Amino acid sequence: MLPDVTGGRTVLNSNDPDRMVPAIFVENSTYYLLGFEPRAPRDGKTHAIVVKVDRKDLIVSYRRSYASAAEKRF
């Protein structure tokens, strides 16, 4: 499921939006979006991503890896 792969949430077989929507609003009330430019070579391989925070009261969602595009050679 795409949402699970990208750090989101999947809701299936539910006709009760009142049960899930409040939690979604709480999650979206505060967030940070971080981006980075990888130092790894453009080799067409999958590389791990590790995110560390120094607070115990946070929930961190992130992709666990990314696929590097292979460098084009002409």
N, C-alpha and C. Protein backbone atom coordinates (compact mmCIF):
# COMPACT_ATOMS: atom_id res chain seq x y z
N MET A 1 0.82 -1.18 0.00
CA MET A 1 0.00 0.00 0.00
C MET A 1 0.88 1.26 0.00
N LEU A 2 0.59 2.17 -0.90
CA LEU A 2 1.39 3.38 -1.04
C LEU A 2 1.49 4.20 0.24
N PRO A 3 0.41 4.45 0.97
CA PRO A 3 0.57 5.25 2.19
C PRO A 3 1.55 4.64 3.19
N ASP A 4 1.52 3.34 3.35
CA ASP A 4 2.43 2.69 4.29
C ASP A 4 3.89 2.85 3.86
N VAL A 5 4.15 2.78 2.59
CA VAL A 5 5.51 2.89 2.06
C VAL A 5 6.05 4.31 2.22
N THR A 6 5.18 5.30 2.14
CA THR A 6 5.62 6.70 2.20
C THR A 6 5.45 7.32 3.58
N GLY A 7 5.17 6.51 4.60
CA GLY A 7 5.06 7.02 5.96
C GLY A 7 3.67 7.46 6.35
N GLY A 8 2.68 7.16 5.53
CA GLY A 8 1.30 7.55 5.83
C GLY A 8 0.52 6.45 6.52
N ARG A 9 -0.78 6.52 6.39
CA ARG A 9 -1.65 5.57 7.05
C ARG A 9 -2.64 5.01 6.04
N THR A 10 -2.94 3.73 6.14
CA THR A 10 -3.91 3.08 5.29
C THR A 10 -5.16 2.77 6.10
N VAL A 11 -6.31 3.15 5.58
CA VAL A 11 -7.59 2.84 6.21
C VAL A 11 -8.39 2.04 5.20
N LEU A 12 -8.73 0.82 5.57
CA LEU A 12 -9.46 -0.06 4.67
C LEU A 12 -10.75 -0.55 5.31
N ASN A 13 -11.74 -0.81 4.49
CA ASN A 13 -12.98 -1.45 4.91
C ASN A 13 -13.63 -0.73 6.09
N SER A 14 -13.72 0.57 6.01
CA SER A 14 -14.33 1.35 7.10
C SER A 14 -15.28 2.38 6.51
N ASN A 15 -16.49 2.37 7.02
CA ASN A 15 -17.46 3.40 6.67
C ASN A 15 -17.70 4.32 7.86
N ASP A 16 -16.70 4.42 8.73
CA ASP A 16 -16.82 5.21 9.95
C ASP A 16 -15.70 6.25 10.00
N PRO A 17 -15.79 7.32 9.16
CA PRO A 17 -14.72 8.32 9.16
C PRO A 17 -14.57 9.05 10.49
N ASP A 18 -15.64 9.14 11.27
CA ASP A 18 -15.55 9.82 12.57
C ASP A 18 -14.55 9.15 13.51
N ARG A 19 -14.25 7.90 13.27
CA ARG A 19 -13.31 7.18 14.13
C ARG A 19 -11.86 7.53 13.78
N MET A 20 -11.54 7.76 12.51
CA MET A 20 -10.16 7.96 12.07
C MET A 20 -9.78 9.44 11.88
N VAL A 21 -10.72 10.26 11.48
CA VAL A 21 -10.40 11.66 11.14
C VAL A 21 -9.79 12.44 12.30
N PRO A 22 -10.28 12.33 13.53
CA PRO A 22 -9.64 13.11 14.61
C PRO A 22 -8.14 12.81 14.78
N ALA A 23 -7.75 11.55 14.67
CA ALA A 23 -6.33 11.20 14.80
C ALA A 23 -5.52 11.79 13.65
N ILE A 24 -6.10 11.83 12.47
CA ILE A 24 -5.40 12.41 11.31
C ILE A 24 -5.20 13.90 11.52
N PHE A 25 -6.21 14.60 12.05
CA PHE A 25 -6.05 16.04 12.33
C PHE A 25 -4.99 16.29 13.40
N VAL A 26 -4.92 15.45 14.41
CA VAL A 26 -3.89 15.60 15.45
C VAL A 26 -2.51 15.43 14.83
N GLU A 27 -2.34 14.40 13.99
CA GLU A 27 -1.04 14.18 13.34
C GLU A 27 -0.64 15.36 12.47
N ASN A 28 -1.59 15.97 11.81
CA ASN A 28 -1.29 17.07 10.89
C ASN A 28 -1.20 18.43 11.57
N SER A 29 -1.43 18.50 12.87
CA SER A 29 -1.43 19.79 13.54
C SER A 29 -0.03 20.38 13.66
N THR A 30 0.99 19.55 13.79
CA THR A 30 2.37 20.02 13.89
C THR A 30 3.28 19.03 13.20
N TYR A 31 4.08 19.52 12.29
CA TYR A 31 5.03 18.64 11.64
C TYR A 31 6.15 19.46 11.01
N TYR A 32 7.22 18.79 10.76
CA TYR A 32 8.36 19.37 10.05
C TYR A 32 8.64 18.50 8.85
N LEU A 33 9.04 19.10 7.78
CA LEU A 33 9.44 18.36 6.60
C LEU A 33 10.91 18.64 6.36
N LEU A 34 11.71 17.59 6.34
CA LEU A 34 13.14 17.73 6.12
C LEU A 34 13.51 17.13 4.77
N GLY A 35 14.44 17.75 4.10
CA GLY A 35 14.93 17.22 2.84
C GLY A 35 16.45 17.17 2.89
N PHE A 36 17.02 16.35 2.05
CA PHE A 36 18.47 16.28 2.00
C PHE A 36 18.90 15.87 0.60
N GLU A 37 20.14 16.19 0.29
CA GLU A 37 20.74 15.76 -0.97
C GLU A 37 21.75 14.68 -0.64
N PRO A 38 21.53 13.47 -1.09
CA PRO A 38 22.42 12.36 -0.73
C PRO A 38 23.85 12.57 -1.22
N ARG A 39 24.80 12.10 -0.42
CA ARG A 39 26.21 12.13 -0.82
C ARG A 39 26.59 10.86 -1.57
N ALA A 40 25.75 9.83 -1.49
CA ALA A 40 26.05 8.57 -2.16
C ALA A 40 26.07 8.78 -3.68
N PRO A 41 26.84 7.99 -4.37
CA PRO A 41 26.91 8.12 -5.82
C PRO A 41 25.59 7.73 -6.48
N ARG A 42 25.39 8.23 -7.68
CA ARG A 42 24.19 7.87 -8.44
C ARG A 42 24.47 6.51 -9.08
N ASP A 43 24.18 5.46 -8.31
CA ASP A 43 24.56 4.11 -8.73
C ASP A 43 23.39 3.18 -9.03
N GLY A 44 22.16 3.68 -8.92
CA GLY A 44 20.99 2.85 -9.21
C GLY A 44 20.66 1.86 -8.10
N LYS A 45 21.27 2.00 -6.92
CA LYS A 45 21.04 1.08 -5.81
C LYS A 45 20.12 1.71 -4.76
N THR A 46 19.64 0.89 -3.85
CA THR A 46 18.83 1.35 -2.73
C THR A 46 19.75 1.68 -1.56
N HIS A 47 19.54 2.83 -0.93
CA HIS A 47 20.36 3.28 0.19
C HIS A 47 19.47 3.53 1.41
N ALA A 48 19.96 3.16 2.58
CA ALA A 48 19.21 3.32 3.82
C ALA A 48 19.17 4.78 4.26
N ILE A 49 18.09 5.15 4.94
CA ILE A 49 17.94 6.47 5.56
C ILE A 49 17.74 6.21 7.06
N VAL A 50 18.47 6.91 7.90
CA VAL A 50 18.32 6.79 9.35
C VAL A 50 18.08 8.18 9.91
N VAL A 51 17.03 8.34 10.69
CA VAL A 51 16.70 9.61 11.33
C VAL A 51 16.74 9.40 12.83
N LYS A 52 17.49 10.25 13.53
CA LYS A 52 17.59 10.15 14.99
C LYS A 52 17.17 11.48 15.60
N VAL A 53 16.42 11.42 16.69
CA VAL A 53 16.04 12.61 17.44
C VAL A 53 16.41 12.41 18.90
N ASP A 54 16.58 13.50 19.61
CA ASP A 54 17.05 13.44 20.99
C ASP A 54 15.94 13.78 21.98
N ARG A 55 14.70 13.43 21.62
CA ARG A 55 13.57 13.66 22.53
C ARG A 55 12.71 12.41 22.53
N LYS A 56 12.22 12.05 23.70
CA LYS A 56 11.42 10.83 23.83
C LYS A 56 9.94 11.08 23.54
N ASP A 57 9.50 12.34 23.51
CA ASP A 57 8.08 12.62 23.34
C ASP A 57 7.68 12.89 21.89
N LEU A 58 8.51 12.51 20.95
CA LEU A 58 8.22 12.75 19.54
C LEU A 58 7.88 11.45 18.82
N ILE A 59 7.07 11.58 17.80
CA ILE A 59 6.81 10.48 16.89
C ILE A 59 7.41 10.89 15.56
N VAL A 60 8.32 10.08 15.04
CA VAL A 60 9.02 10.41 13.81
C VAL A 60 8.62 9.40 12.74
N SER A 61 8.15 9.91 11.61
CA SER A 61 7.82 9.06 10.47
C SER A 61 8.74 9.45 9.32
N TYR A 62 9.32 8.46 8.68
CA TYR A 62 10.22 8.75 7.57
C TYR A 62 10.37 7.52 6.70
N ARG A 63 10.82 7.76 5.49
CA ARG A 63 11.13 6.66 4.59
C ARG A 63 12.38 5.97 5.09
N ARG A 64 12.43 4.67 5.00
CA ARG A 64 13.58 3.90 5.49
C ARG A 64 14.68 3.79 4.45
N SER A 65 14.37 4.10 3.20
CA SER A 65 15.38 4.00 2.15
C SER A 65 14.96 4.81 0.95
N TYR A 66 15.90 4.99 0.02
CA TYR A 66 15.59 5.63 -1.25
C TYR A 66 16.36 4.91 -2.35
N ALA A 67 15.82 4.96 -3.54
CA ALA A 67 16.49 4.36 -4.69
C ALA A 67 17.20 5.45 -5.46
N SER A 68 18.49 5.31 -5.59
CA SER A 68 19.29 6.27 -6.33
C SER A 68 19.14 6.03 -7.82
N ALA A 69 18.95 7.10 -8.56
CA ALA A 69 18.89 6.98 -10.02
C ALA A 69 20.29 6.70 -10.55
N ALA A 70 20.37 5.83 -11.49
CA ALA A 70 21.68 5.53 -12.08
C ALA A 70 22.15 6.72 -12.90
N GLU A 71 23.43 7.01 -12.81
CA GLU A 71 24.01 8.11 -13.58
C GLU A 71 23.97 7.77 -15.06
N LYS A 72 23.53 8.73 -15.85
CA LYS A 72 23.43 8.51 -17.30
C LYS A 72 24.81 8.63 -17.92
N ARG A 73 25.14 7.68 -18.75
CA ARG A 73 26.44 7.72 -19.46
C ARG A 73 26.15 7.73 -20.94
N PHE A 74 26.75 8.66 -21.61
CA PHE A 74 26.51 8.80 -23.05
C PHE A 74 27.69 8.31 -23.82
